[in-house]
N, C-alpha and C. Protein backbone atom coordinates (compact mmCIF):
# COMPACT_ATOMS: atom_id res chain seq x y z
N MET A 1 49.12 -0.59 -3.81
CA MET A 1 50.04 0.52 -4.04
C MET A 1 50.13 0.80 -5.55
N ALA A 2 49.90 2.07 -5.90
CA ALA A 2 49.95 2.45 -7.31
C ALA A 2 51.40 2.61 -7.77
N PHE A 3 51.66 2.15 -8.97
CA PHE A 3 53.01 2.27 -9.53
C PHE A 3 53.11 3.54 -10.36
N THR A 4 54.27 4.17 -10.32
CA THR A 4 54.50 5.36 -11.12
C THR A 4 54.80 4.96 -12.57
N ARG A 5 54.71 5.93 -13.47
CA ARG A 5 55.01 5.68 -14.88
C ARG A 5 56.44 5.16 -15.04
N LYS A 6 57.37 5.76 -14.29
CA LYS A 6 58.78 5.35 -14.39
C LYS A 6 58.97 3.90 -13.96
N GLN A 7 58.30 3.51 -12.87
CA GLN A 7 58.42 2.13 -12.38
C GLN A 7 57.88 1.13 -13.39
N ILE A 8 56.79 1.48 -14.03
CA ILE A 8 56.19 0.58 -15.03
C ILE A 8 57.12 0.44 -16.23
N VAL A 9 57.65 1.57 -16.71
CA VAL A 9 58.57 1.55 -17.86
C VAL A 9 59.82 0.75 -17.53
N THR A 10 60.34 0.94 -16.31
CA THR A 10 61.54 0.21 -15.89
C THR A 10 61.28 -1.29 -15.83
N ALA A 11 60.14 -1.68 -15.27
CA ALA A 11 59.80 -3.10 -15.17
C ALA A 11 59.67 -3.74 -16.55
N ILE A 12 59.00 -3.05 -17.45
CA ILE A 12 58.84 -3.56 -18.82
C ILE A 12 60.20 -3.69 -19.49
N SER A 13 61.06 -2.70 -19.27
CA SER A 13 62.39 -2.70 -19.89
C SER A 13 63.23 -3.87 -19.39
N VAL A 14 63.19 -4.12 -18.09
CA VAL A 14 63.98 -5.22 -17.51
C VAL A 14 63.55 -6.55 -18.10
N VAL A 15 62.25 -6.78 -18.14
CA VAL A 15 61.73 -8.05 -18.68
C VAL A 15 62.07 -8.18 -20.16
N TYR A 16 61.88 -7.11 -20.89
CA TYR A 16 62.14 -7.13 -22.34
C TYR A 16 63.62 -7.38 -22.63
N LEU A 17 64.51 -6.66 -21.94
CA LEU A 17 65.95 -6.79 -22.21
C LEU A 17 66.51 -8.12 -21.74
N LEU A 18 65.78 -8.78 -20.86
CA LEU A 18 66.22 -10.10 -20.41
C LEU A 18 66.15 -11.11 -21.56
N ILE A 19 65.21 -10.92 -22.46
CA ILE A 19 65.03 -11.85 -23.59
C ILE A 19 66.26 -11.88 -24.50
N PRO A 20 66.73 -10.72 -25.02
CA PRO A 20 67.93 -10.78 -25.87
C PRO A 20 69.18 -11.22 -25.12
N THR A 21 69.24 -10.95 -23.81
CA THR A 21 70.39 -11.40 -23.02
C THR A 21 70.44 -12.92 -22.97
N ILE A 22 69.29 -13.54 -22.72
CA ILE A 22 69.21 -15.00 -22.68
C ILE A 22 69.50 -15.57 -24.07
N LEU A 23 69.00 -14.91 -25.09
CA LEU A 23 69.22 -15.36 -26.47
C LEU A 23 70.72 -15.36 -26.80
N ALA A 24 71.41 -14.30 -26.39
CA ALA A 24 72.85 -14.20 -26.65
C ALA A 24 73.63 -15.25 -25.87
N ALA A 25 73.21 -15.51 -24.63
CA ALA A 25 73.88 -16.53 -23.82
C ALA A 25 73.69 -17.91 -24.43
N TYR A 26 72.50 -18.17 -24.95
CA TYR A 26 72.24 -19.45 -25.61
C TYR A 26 73.09 -19.59 -26.87
N ALA A 27 73.24 -18.50 -27.60
CA ALA A 27 74.05 -18.51 -28.82
C ALA A 27 75.51 -18.82 -28.48
N LEU A 28 76.01 -18.23 -27.40
CA LEU A 28 77.39 -18.49 -26.97
C LEU A 28 77.57 -19.96 -26.60
N ARG A 29 76.60 -20.50 -25.89
CA ARG A 29 76.66 -21.91 -25.48
C ARG A 29 76.67 -22.82 -26.71
N SER A 30 75.80 -22.53 -27.67
CA SER A 30 75.74 -23.35 -28.89
C SER A 30 77.03 -23.24 -29.69
N SER A 31 77.59 -22.04 -29.74
CA SER A 31 78.83 -21.83 -30.48
C SER A 31 79.96 -22.67 -29.89
N HIS A 32 80.03 -22.73 -28.56
CA HIS A 32 81.06 -23.53 -27.90
C HIS A 32 80.76 -25.03 -28.03
N THR A 33 79.52 -25.40 -27.83
CA THR A 33 79.15 -26.82 -27.88
C THR A 33 79.48 -27.45 -29.23
N TYR A 34 79.19 -26.72 -30.30
CA TYR A 34 79.38 -27.27 -31.64
C TYR A 34 80.64 -26.74 -32.34
N SER A 35 81.53 -26.12 -31.56
CA SER A 35 82.82 -25.64 -32.09
C SER A 35 82.64 -24.79 -33.35
N LEU A 36 81.68 -23.90 -33.33
CA LEU A 36 81.40 -23.06 -34.50
C LEU A 36 82.47 -21.98 -34.66
N PRO A 37 82.79 -21.62 -35.91
CA PRO A 37 83.81 -20.59 -36.15
C PRO A 37 83.28 -19.17 -35.96
N ILE A 38 82.59 -18.94 -34.86
CA ILE A 38 82.07 -17.61 -34.53
C ILE A 38 82.89 -17.09 -33.35
N PRO A 39 83.64 -16.00 -33.52
CA PRO A 39 84.49 -15.48 -32.44
C PRO A 39 83.70 -15.20 -31.16
N ASP A 40 84.30 -15.51 -30.03
CA ASP A 40 83.64 -15.28 -28.74
C ASP A 40 83.31 -13.80 -28.53
N VAL A 41 84.11 -12.91 -29.14
CA VAL A 41 83.89 -11.48 -28.94
C VAL A 41 82.51 -11.06 -29.43
N ILE A 42 82.01 -11.71 -30.48
CA ILE A 42 80.67 -11.36 -30.99
C ILE A 42 79.61 -11.72 -29.97
N SER A 43 79.71 -12.92 -29.41
CA SER A 43 78.75 -13.35 -28.39
C SER A 43 78.88 -12.50 -27.14
N ALA A 44 80.12 -12.14 -26.78
CA ALA A 44 80.34 -11.31 -25.59
C ALA A 44 79.70 -9.94 -25.76
N LEU A 45 79.87 -9.35 -26.94
CA LEU A 45 79.26 -8.05 -27.22
C LEU A 45 77.73 -8.15 -27.17
N ALA A 46 77.20 -9.25 -27.67
CA ALA A 46 75.74 -9.45 -27.68
C ALA A 46 75.20 -9.61 -26.27
N ILE A 47 75.91 -10.37 -25.44
CA ILE A 47 75.47 -10.58 -24.06
C ILE A 47 75.52 -9.28 -23.27
N ALA A 48 76.55 -8.47 -23.52
CA ALA A 48 76.74 -7.24 -22.75
C ALA A 48 75.80 -6.11 -23.18
N LEU A 49 75.36 -6.13 -24.44
CA LEU A 49 74.57 -5.02 -24.97
C LEU A 49 73.29 -4.72 -24.20
N PRO A 50 72.37 -5.67 -24.00
CA PRO A 50 71.12 -5.34 -23.32
C PRO A 50 71.29 -4.75 -21.92
N PRO A 51 72.09 -5.40 -21.02
CA PRO A 51 72.24 -4.80 -19.69
C PRO A 51 72.95 -3.45 -19.72
N LEU A 52 73.95 -3.30 -20.59
CA LEU A 52 74.65 -2.02 -20.68
C LEU A 52 73.71 -0.91 -21.14
N ALA A 53 72.91 -1.21 -22.16
CA ALA A 53 71.96 -0.22 -22.67
C ALA A 53 70.94 0.14 -21.59
N GLY A 54 70.44 -0.87 -20.89
CA GLY A 54 69.45 -0.63 -19.85
C GLY A 54 69.99 0.22 -18.72
N ILE A 55 71.19 -0.12 -18.24
CA ILE A 55 71.80 0.62 -17.13
C ILE A 55 72.14 2.04 -17.55
N ALA A 56 72.75 2.18 -18.74
CA ALA A 56 73.16 3.51 -19.21
C ALA A 56 71.97 4.45 -19.36
N LEU A 57 70.91 3.97 -19.97
CA LEU A 57 69.75 4.83 -20.19
C LEU A 57 69.00 5.10 -18.89
N GLU A 58 69.05 4.16 -17.96
CA GLU A 58 68.44 4.39 -16.65
C GLU A 58 69.18 5.50 -15.92
N ILE A 59 70.51 5.49 -16.01
CA ILE A 59 71.32 6.54 -15.38
C ILE A 59 71.04 7.89 -16.03
N VAL A 60 70.94 7.89 -17.36
CA VAL A 60 70.66 9.13 -18.09
C VAL A 60 69.32 9.71 -17.66
N LEU A 61 68.32 8.87 -17.55
CA LEU A 61 66.99 9.33 -17.14
C LEU A 61 67.01 9.89 -15.73
N ALA A 62 67.79 9.25 -14.84
CA ALA A 62 67.91 9.73 -13.46
C ALA A 62 68.57 11.11 -13.44
N ILE A 63 69.61 11.28 -14.27
CA ILE A 63 70.29 12.58 -14.36
C ILE A 63 69.34 13.63 -14.89
N ASN A 64 68.57 13.26 -15.89
CA ASN A 64 67.61 14.20 -16.48
C ASN A 64 66.58 14.67 -15.46
N GLU A 65 66.13 13.74 -14.63
CA GLU A 65 65.15 14.10 -13.61
C GLU A 65 65.74 15.11 -12.63
N GLY A 66 67.02 14.88 -12.28
CA GLY A 66 67.68 15.81 -11.37
C GLY A 66 67.83 17.18 -11.98
N LEU A 67 68.20 17.22 -13.27
CA LEU A 67 68.35 18.50 -13.96
C LEU A 67 67.01 19.20 -14.13
N ALA A 68 65.98 18.40 -14.41
CA ALA A 68 64.65 18.97 -14.59
C ALA A 68 64.16 19.61 -13.30
N ALA A 69 64.49 18.97 -12.18
CA ALA A 69 64.08 19.51 -10.88
C ALA A 69 64.73 20.87 -10.61
N LYS A 70 65.91 21.08 -11.22
CA LYS A 70 66.62 22.35 -11.04
C LYS A 70 66.31 23.33 -12.17
N GLY A 71 65.42 22.91 -13.07
CA GLY A 71 65.08 23.77 -14.19
C GLY A 71 66.12 23.78 -15.28
N GLN A 72 66.98 22.77 -15.31
CA GLN A 72 68.04 22.68 -16.32
C GLN A 72 67.78 21.47 -17.23
N LEU A 73 66.89 21.61 -18.15
CA LEU A 73 66.54 20.49 -19.03
C LEU A 73 67.62 20.25 -20.08
N GLN A 74 68.30 19.14 -19.95
CA GLN A 74 69.33 18.75 -20.92
C GLN A 74 69.01 17.38 -21.51
N THR A 75 67.77 17.01 -21.45
CA THR A 75 67.37 15.67 -21.86
C THR A 75 67.82 15.31 -23.28
N SER A 76 67.49 16.17 -24.21
CA SER A 76 67.77 15.87 -25.60
C SER A 76 69.26 15.64 -25.83
N ARG A 77 70.09 16.52 -25.31
CA ARG A 77 71.54 16.44 -25.52
C ARG A 77 72.13 15.14 -24.97
N ILE A 78 71.89 14.87 -23.69
CA ILE A 78 72.46 13.69 -23.05
C ILE A 78 71.90 12.42 -23.67
N PHE A 79 70.60 12.39 -23.86
CA PHE A 79 69.95 11.19 -24.39
C PHE A 79 70.45 10.87 -25.79
N GLN A 80 70.61 11.90 -26.61
CA GLN A 80 71.05 11.69 -27.99
C GLN A 80 72.47 11.14 -28.05
N ILE A 81 73.34 11.60 -27.15
CA ILE A 81 74.72 11.10 -27.12
C ILE A 81 74.74 9.61 -26.80
N VAL A 82 73.97 9.22 -25.78
CA VAL A 82 73.91 7.81 -25.39
C VAL A 82 73.29 6.97 -26.50
N ILE A 83 72.23 7.47 -27.09
CA ILE A 83 71.57 6.75 -28.19
C ILE A 83 72.54 6.56 -29.35
N ALA A 84 73.31 7.59 -29.67
CA ALA A 84 74.27 7.51 -30.77
C ALA A 84 75.35 6.47 -30.49
N PHE A 85 75.83 6.44 -29.24
CA PHE A 85 76.86 5.46 -28.87
C PHE A 85 76.35 4.04 -29.08
N PHE A 86 75.16 3.78 -28.58
CA PHE A 86 74.62 2.42 -28.70
C PHE A 86 74.20 2.09 -30.13
N LEU A 87 73.90 3.10 -30.92
CA LEU A 87 73.60 2.85 -32.32
C LEU A 87 74.84 2.32 -33.05
N VAL A 88 76.00 2.91 -32.72
CA VAL A 88 77.27 2.43 -33.29
C VAL A 88 77.55 1.01 -32.81
N TYR A 89 77.37 0.80 -31.51
CA TYR A 89 77.57 -0.52 -30.89
C TYR A 89 76.72 -1.57 -31.61
N GLU A 90 75.44 -1.26 -31.78
CA GLU A 90 74.52 -2.20 -32.41
C GLU A 90 74.88 -2.46 -33.88
N SER A 91 75.32 -1.41 -34.56
CA SER A 91 75.69 -1.55 -35.97
C SER A 91 76.89 -2.47 -36.13
N VAL A 92 77.89 -2.30 -35.25
CA VAL A 92 79.08 -3.14 -35.30
C VAL A 92 78.71 -4.60 -35.03
N LEU A 93 77.90 -4.81 -34.00
CA LEU A 93 77.49 -6.16 -33.64
C LEU A 93 76.68 -6.81 -34.76
N ALA A 94 75.75 -6.06 -35.33
CA ALA A 94 74.93 -6.60 -36.42
C ALA A 94 75.79 -6.96 -37.63
N THR A 95 76.78 -6.12 -37.92
CA THR A 95 77.67 -6.39 -39.06
C THR A 95 78.49 -7.65 -38.83
N LEU A 96 79.04 -7.79 -37.62
CA LEU A 96 79.85 -8.97 -37.30
C LEU A 96 79.02 -10.24 -37.37
N ALA A 97 77.80 -10.17 -36.82
CA ALA A 97 76.92 -11.35 -36.85
C ALA A 97 76.49 -11.66 -38.28
N GLY A 98 76.27 -10.60 -39.06
CA GLY A 98 75.81 -10.78 -40.43
C GLY A 98 76.78 -11.52 -41.32
N THR A 99 78.08 -11.42 -41.01
CA THR A 99 79.07 -12.12 -41.83
C THR A 99 78.94 -13.63 -41.73
N HIS A 100 78.24 -14.10 -40.69
CA HIS A 100 78.05 -15.55 -40.52
C HIS A 100 76.67 -16.00 -40.99
N ILE A 101 75.94 -15.08 -41.66
CA ILE A 101 74.65 -15.44 -42.24
C ILE A 101 74.74 -15.32 -43.76
N SER A 102 75.94 -15.14 -44.24
CA SER A 102 76.17 -14.97 -45.68
C SER A 102 75.70 -16.21 -46.44
N PRO A 103 75.63 -16.12 -47.77
CA PRO A 103 75.28 -17.31 -48.57
C PRO A 103 76.18 -18.48 -48.20
N PRO A 104 75.64 -19.69 -48.18
CA PRO A 104 76.38 -20.89 -47.74
C PRO A 104 77.79 -21.02 -48.27
N GLY A 105 78.00 -20.71 -49.55
CA GLY A 105 79.32 -20.89 -50.14
C GLY A 105 80.40 -20.08 -49.45
N SER A 106 80.04 -18.87 -48.97
CA SER A 106 81.03 -18.00 -48.35
C SER A 106 81.37 -18.43 -46.93
N LEU A 107 80.60 -19.35 -46.35
CA LEU A 107 80.86 -19.82 -44.99
C LEU A 107 81.74 -21.07 -44.97
N ASP A 108 81.87 -21.71 -46.12
CA ASP A 108 82.57 -23.00 -46.18
C ASP A 108 84.01 -22.93 -45.72
N CYS A 109 84.70 -21.85 -46.08
CA CYS A 109 86.13 -21.76 -45.79
C CYS A 109 86.40 -21.84 -44.29
N ALA A 110 85.71 -21.00 -43.50
CA ALA A 110 85.92 -20.98 -42.05
C ALA A 110 85.52 -22.31 -41.41
N LEU A 111 84.43 -22.89 -41.89
CA LEU A 111 83.97 -24.17 -41.35
C LEU A 111 84.97 -25.28 -41.62
N ARG A 112 85.45 -25.34 -42.86
CA ARG A 112 86.43 -26.38 -43.21
C ARG A 112 87.71 -26.20 -42.40
N GLU A 113 88.17 -24.97 -42.26
CA GLU A 113 89.39 -24.71 -41.49
C GLU A 113 89.22 -25.16 -40.04
N THR A 114 88.05 -24.91 -39.48
CA THR A 114 87.79 -25.31 -38.10
C THR A 114 87.79 -26.83 -37.98
N TRP A 115 87.12 -27.50 -38.92
CA TRP A 115 87.07 -28.97 -38.88
C TRP A 115 88.48 -29.55 -39.05
N GLU A 116 89.23 -29.00 -39.99
CA GLU A 116 90.60 -29.49 -40.22
C GLU A 116 91.46 -29.31 -38.98
N LYS A 117 91.26 -28.21 -38.28
CA LYS A 117 92.01 -27.96 -37.05
C LYS A 117 91.67 -29.02 -36.00
N LEU A 118 90.39 -29.33 -35.87
CA LEU A 118 89.97 -30.37 -34.92
C LEU A 118 90.54 -31.73 -35.32
N PHE A 119 90.55 -31.97 -36.63
CA PHE A 119 91.05 -33.25 -37.15
C PHE A 119 92.55 -33.39 -36.90
N ARG A 120 93.29 -32.31 -37.17
CA ARG A 120 94.74 -32.35 -36.96
C ARG A 120 95.10 -32.56 -35.50
N LYS A 121 94.29 -31.96 -34.62
CA LYS A 121 94.53 -32.11 -33.18
C LYS A 121 94.02 -33.45 -32.65
N LYS A 122 93.36 -34.19 -33.51
CA LYS A 122 92.72 -35.45 -33.11
C LYS A 122 91.76 -35.22 -31.94
N ASP A 123 91.01 -34.13 -32.06
CA ASP A 123 90.05 -33.78 -31.01
C ASP A 123 88.78 -34.61 -31.20
N ALA A 124 88.85 -35.84 -30.75
CA ALA A 124 87.74 -36.78 -30.94
C ALA A 124 86.47 -36.30 -30.26
N ALA A 125 86.61 -35.67 -29.09
CA ALA A 125 85.43 -35.24 -28.33
C ALA A 125 84.61 -34.23 -29.13
N CYS A 126 85.27 -33.22 -29.70
CA CYS A 126 84.55 -32.19 -30.45
C CYS A 126 83.95 -32.73 -31.75
N VAL A 127 84.74 -33.49 -32.50
CA VAL A 127 84.24 -34.03 -33.77
C VAL A 127 83.07 -34.98 -33.51
N ARG A 128 83.21 -35.80 -32.51
CA ARG A 128 82.13 -36.75 -32.20
C ARG A 128 80.88 -36.01 -31.74
N ARG A 129 81.06 -34.95 -30.97
CA ARG A 129 79.91 -34.17 -30.49
C ARG A 129 79.13 -33.59 -31.67
N ILE A 130 79.85 -33.08 -32.65
CA ILE A 130 79.20 -32.52 -33.84
C ILE A 130 78.47 -33.62 -34.62
N GLN A 131 79.16 -34.74 -34.82
CA GLN A 131 78.56 -35.85 -35.57
C GLN A 131 77.34 -36.41 -34.85
N ASP A 132 77.40 -36.52 -33.55
CA ASP A 132 76.27 -37.05 -32.79
C ASP A 132 75.09 -36.08 -32.81
N ALA A 133 75.39 -34.78 -32.70
CA ALA A 133 74.32 -33.78 -32.66
C ALA A 133 73.52 -33.73 -33.96
N PHE A 134 74.23 -33.86 -35.08
CA PHE A 134 73.57 -33.73 -36.38
C PHE A 134 73.41 -35.06 -37.11
N GLN A 135 73.71 -36.16 -36.40
CA GLN A 135 73.55 -37.50 -36.97
C GLN A 135 74.21 -37.59 -38.35
N CYS A 136 75.51 -37.30 -38.37
CA CYS A 136 76.25 -37.27 -39.63
C CYS A 136 77.64 -37.86 -39.43
N CYS A 137 78.37 -37.98 -40.53
CA CYS A 137 79.75 -38.48 -40.48
C CYS A 137 80.63 -37.63 -41.38
N GLY A 138 81.79 -37.22 -40.89
CA GLY A 138 82.74 -36.49 -41.71
C GLY A 138 82.30 -35.09 -42.07
N TYR A 139 83.17 -34.39 -42.80
CA TYR A 139 82.84 -33.01 -43.17
C TYR A 139 82.19 -32.93 -44.56
N ALA A 140 82.99 -32.98 -45.62
CA ALA A 140 82.44 -32.86 -46.97
C ALA A 140 81.78 -34.14 -47.45
N SER A 141 82.22 -35.27 -46.92
CA SER A 141 81.62 -36.56 -47.24
C SER A 141 81.69 -37.41 -45.98
N VAL A 142 81.02 -38.55 -45.98
CA VAL A 142 81.00 -39.39 -44.78
C VAL A 142 82.37 -39.99 -44.47
N LYS A 143 83.30 -39.89 -45.43
CA LYS A 143 84.65 -40.41 -45.22
C LYS A 143 85.67 -39.30 -44.95
N ASP A 144 85.23 -38.05 -45.08
CA ASP A 144 86.14 -36.91 -45.01
C ASP A 144 86.41 -36.48 -43.56
N MET A 145 87.57 -36.86 -43.04
CA MET A 145 88.00 -36.47 -41.68
C MET A 145 86.96 -36.87 -40.63
N ALA A 146 86.37 -38.01 -40.81
CA ALA A 146 85.32 -38.47 -39.88
C ALA A 146 85.93 -39.14 -38.66
N TRP A 147 85.16 -39.10 -37.57
CA TRP A 147 85.51 -39.87 -36.38
C TRP A 147 84.69 -41.16 -36.40
N PRO A 148 85.22 -42.31 -36.05
CA PRO A 148 86.58 -42.60 -35.56
C PRO A 148 87.65 -42.31 -36.62
N PHE A 149 88.75 -41.70 -36.17
CA PHE A 149 89.82 -41.34 -37.08
C PHE A 149 90.51 -42.59 -37.63
N VAL A 150 91.07 -42.41 -38.82
CA VAL A 150 91.78 -43.52 -39.47
C VAL A 150 93.03 -43.88 -38.65
N ASP A 151 93.13 -45.15 -38.30
CA ASP A 151 94.32 -45.65 -37.60
C ASP A 151 94.45 -47.14 -37.93
N ALA A 152 95.26 -47.82 -37.16
CA ALA A 152 95.49 -49.25 -37.43
C ALA A 152 94.21 -50.07 -37.34
N GLY A 153 93.26 -49.61 -36.52
CA GLY A 153 92.04 -50.38 -36.33
C GLY A 153 90.83 -49.84 -37.05
N HIS A 154 90.98 -48.68 -37.73
CA HIS A 154 89.83 -48.07 -38.41
C HIS A 154 90.24 -47.56 -39.78
N ASP A 155 89.34 -47.70 -40.76
CA ASP A 155 89.59 -47.09 -42.07
C ASP A 155 88.66 -45.90 -42.24
N ALA A 156 88.63 -45.31 -43.43
CA ALA A 156 87.84 -44.10 -43.67
C ALA A 156 86.34 -44.33 -43.53
N ASN A 157 85.90 -45.59 -43.60
CA ASN A 157 84.47 -45.91 -43.49
C ASN A 157 84.03 -46.18 -42.05
N ALA A 158 84.92 -45.99 -41.10
CA ALA A 158 84.64 -46.39 -39.72
C ALA A 158 83.36 -45.78 -39.16
N CYS A 159 83.09 -44.52 -39.48
CA CYS A 159 81.91 -43.85 -38.93
C CYS A 159 80.61 -44.47 -39.46
N VAL A 160 80.52 -44.62 -40.79
CA VAL A 160 79.28 -45.16 -41.36
C VAL A 160 79.13 -46.65 -41.07
N VAL A 161 80.23 -47.33 -40.82
CA VAL A 161 80.15 -48.74 -40.44
C VAL A 161 79.58 -48.84 -39.03
N ARG A 162 80.04 -47.96 -38.14
CA ARG A 162 79.56 -47.98 -36.76
C ARG A 162 78.14 -47.44 -36.67
N TYR A 163 77.85 -46.39 -37.42
CA TYR A 163 76.52 -45.77 -37.38
C TYR A 163 75.89 -45.89 -38.77
N GLU A 164 75.28 -46.99 -39.04
CA GLU A 164 74.74 -47.27 -40.37
C GLU A 164 73.64 -46.30 -40.79
N GLU A 165 72.96 -45.71 -39.80
CA GLU A 165 71.85 -44.82 -40.13
C GLU A 165 72.33 -43.44 -40.58
N ARG A 166 73.61 -43.16 -40.44
CA ARG A 166 74.13 -41.85 -40.81
C ARG A 166 74.64 -41.86 -42.24
N GLY A 167 73.83 -41.36 -43.14
CA GLY A 167 74.20 -41.39 -44.55
C GLY A 167 74.57 -40.04 -45.12
N ARG A 168 74.74 -39.03 -44.27
CA ARG A 168 75.08 -37.70 -44.78
C ARG A 168 76.32 -37.15 -44.10
N SER A 169 76.96 -36.18 -44.75
CA SER A 169 78.12 -35.52 -44.16
C SER A 169 77.64 -34.39 -43.25
N CYS A 170 78.56 -33.81 -42.50
CA CYS A 170 78.18 -32.81 -41.49
C CYS A 170 78.22 -31.37 -42.00
N ALA A 171 78.77 -31.14 -43.19
CA ALA A 171 78.95 -29.77 -43.66
C ALA A 171 77.65 -28.96 -43.67
N ASP A 172 76.60 -29.50 -44.27
CA ASP A 172 75.34 -28.75 -44.39
C ASP A 172 74.66 -28.49 -43.05
N PRO A 173 74.43 -29.52 -42.22
CA PRO A 173 73.77 -29.24 -40.94
C PRO A 173 74.62 -28.38 -40.01
N TRP A 174 75.93 -28.54 -40.07
CA TRP A 174 76.83 -27.73 -39.23
C TRP A 174 76.79 -26.27 -39.68
N ARG A 175 76.77 -26.07 -41.00
CA ARG A 175 76.65 -24.72 -41.56
C ARG A 175 75.32 -24.10 -41.15
N GLY A 176 74.28 -24.92 -41.17
CA GLY A 176 72.96 -24.43 -40.77
C GLY A 176 72.95 -23.98 -39.32
N GLU A 177 73.65 -24.70 -38.47
CA GLU A 177 73.74 -24.32 -37.05
C GLU A 177 74.48 -23.00 -36.89
N GLU A 178 75.53 -22.81 -37.67
CA GLU A 178 76.27 -21.54 -37.61
C GLU A 178 75.36 -20.37 -37.98
N ARG A 179 74.60 -20.55 -39.03
CA ARG A 179 73.69 -19.48 -39.48
C ARG A 179 72.60 -19.22 -38.44
N LYS A 180 72.10 -20.27 -37.82
CA LYS A 180 71.06 -20.11 -36.79
C LYS A 180 71.59 -19.31 -35.61
N VAL A 181 72.79 -19.65 -35.16
CA VAL A 181 73.41 -18.93 -34.04
C VAL A 181 73.66 -17.48 -34.43
N ALA A 182 74.14 -17.25 -35.66
CA ALA A 182 74.41 -15.89 -36.12
C ALA A 182 73.12 -15.06 -36.18
N ILE A 183 72.03 -15.69 -36.58
CA ILE A 183 70.74 -14.98 -36.63
C ILE A 183 70.32 -14.58 -35.22
N MET A 184 70.52 -15.47 -34.25
CA MET A 184 70.19 -15.13 -32.87
C MET A 184 71.01 -13.93 -32.40
N LEU A 185 72.29 -13.91 -32.76
CA LEU A 185 73.16 -12.79 -32.38
C LEU A 185 72.75 -11.51 -33.08
N LEU A 186 72.21 -11.62 -34.29
CA LEU A 186 71.74 -10.45 -35.03
C LEU A 186 70.44 -9.91 -34.44
N VAL A 187 69.62 -10.79 -33.93
CA VAL A 187 68.34 -10.38 -33.34
C VAL A 187 68.56 -9.52 -32.09
N VAL A 188 69.64 -9.77 -31.36
CA VAL A 188 69.91 -9.04 -30.12
C VAL A 188 69.98 -7.53 -30.34
N PRO A 189 70.86 -7.02 -31.22
CA PRO A 189 70.89 -5.57 -31.43
C PRO A 189 69.60 -5.02 -32.02
N LEU A 190 68.90 -5.82 -32.81
CA LEU A 190 67.63 -5.36 -33.37
C LEU A 190 66.59 -5.17 -32.27
N MET A 191 66.57 -6.10 -31.32
CA MET A 191 65.62 -5.98 -30.20
C MET A 191 65.95 -4.77 -29.32
N VAL A 192 67.24 -4.55 -29.09
CA VAL A 192 67.65 -3.40 -28.28
C VAL A 192 67.30 -2.10 -29.00
N PHE A 193 67.46 -2.07 -30.31
CA PHE A 193 67.11 -0.89 -31.09
C PHE A 193 65.62 -0.59 -30.98
N VAL A 194 64.81 -1.62 -31.11
CA VAL A 194 63.35 -1.45 -30.99
C VAL A 194 63.00 -0.91 -29.61
N TRP A 195 63.66 -1.44 -28.58
CA TRP A 195 63.41 -0.98 -27.21
C TRP A 195 63.77 0.50 -27.06
N LYS A 196 64.88 0.93 -27.66
CA LYS A 196 65.30 2.33 -27.57
C LYS A 196 64.29 3.25 -28.26
N VAL A 197 63.77 2.80 -29.39
CA VAL A 197 62.76 3.60 -30.10
C VAL A 197 61.52 3.76 -29.22
N TRP A 198 61.11 2.65 -28.61
CA TRP A 198 59.94 2.68 -27.71
C TRP A 198 60.19 3.61 -26.53
N LEU A 199 61.38 3.52 -25.94
CA LEU A 199 61.71 4.35 -24.79
C LEU A 199 61.78 5.82 -25.18
N SER A 200 62.33 6.10 -26.36
CA SER A 200 62.41 7.48 -26.84
C SER A 200 61.02 8.08 -27.02
N MET A 201 60.10 7.27 -27.52
CA MET A 201 58.73 7.74 -27.71
C MET A 201 58.08 8.05 -26.37
N LYS A 202 58.36 7.20 -25.37
CA LYS A 202 57.81 7.43 -24.03
C LYS A 202 58.34 8.73 -23.45
N ILE A 203 59.65 8.95 -23.60
CA ILE A 203 60.28 10.15 -23.05
C ILE A 203 59.76 11.39 -23.76
N CYS A 204 59.65 11.30 -25.08
CA CYS A 204 59.15 12.43 -25.87
C CYS A 204 57.72 12.77 -25.47
N LYS A 205 56.92 11.74 -25.23
CA LYS A 205 55.52 11.95 -24.85
C LYS A 205 55.42 12.67 -23.51
N VAL A 206 56.27 12.24 -22.56
CA VAL A 206 56.26 12.86 -21.23
C VAL A 206 56.70 14.31 -21.32
N GLU A 207 57.77 14.58 -22.12
CA GLU A 207 58.29 15.93 -22.24
C GLU A 207 57.29 16.85 -22.94
N CYS A 208 56.62 16.31 -23.97
CA CYS A 208 55.64 17.11 -24.70
C CYS A 208 54.46 17.48 -23.81
N ILE A 209 54.04 16.51 -22.99
CA ILE A 209 52.93 16.77 -22.06
C ILE A 209 53.36 17.80 -21.04
N GLY A 210 54.67 17.61 -20.59
CA GLY A 210 55.19 18.53 -19.60
C GLY A 210 55.33 19.94 -20.17
């Protein structure tokens, strides 16, 4: 059975848009796993963007086909409105993600505040998860708010005493993870933008031939 041009374009679009969706979902998981100071709304916007863009443009194309059948070509108008909406969406998402890819010094404040919050709450599970993942102890130094927390049975050296192989603090690797996740979130709107450009070229080609 031969496939139509529309079916081929739709299949390619579904497979392509699945990639940024998975990327955004992975970024959200990493953000939660490592208690990164990246708001959930950024990850939520990233996860929603590819399917929303795909569904919206599929509906627009279906409407255009119906109008074309009646001799009422409104393709440019409708398509441009939808493209403009998602361009704003992508710009907002890219800007929000970009704030977490800033030079290292500008990220320190949010990271330290997050670590201090975990420390004040005595959230051993989260602090230990970060330390285990990056093979480190403490935040700014191996003694700085490290787990095991200071108590009657532990002093500030408890982490490096228990894990002798851990000779570095967590600030740098944790910051690196934040930037990596932010880059993944930034890639999502860029991939959707590239897809829209490709789709626009396909539509323009069909209309020009028509």
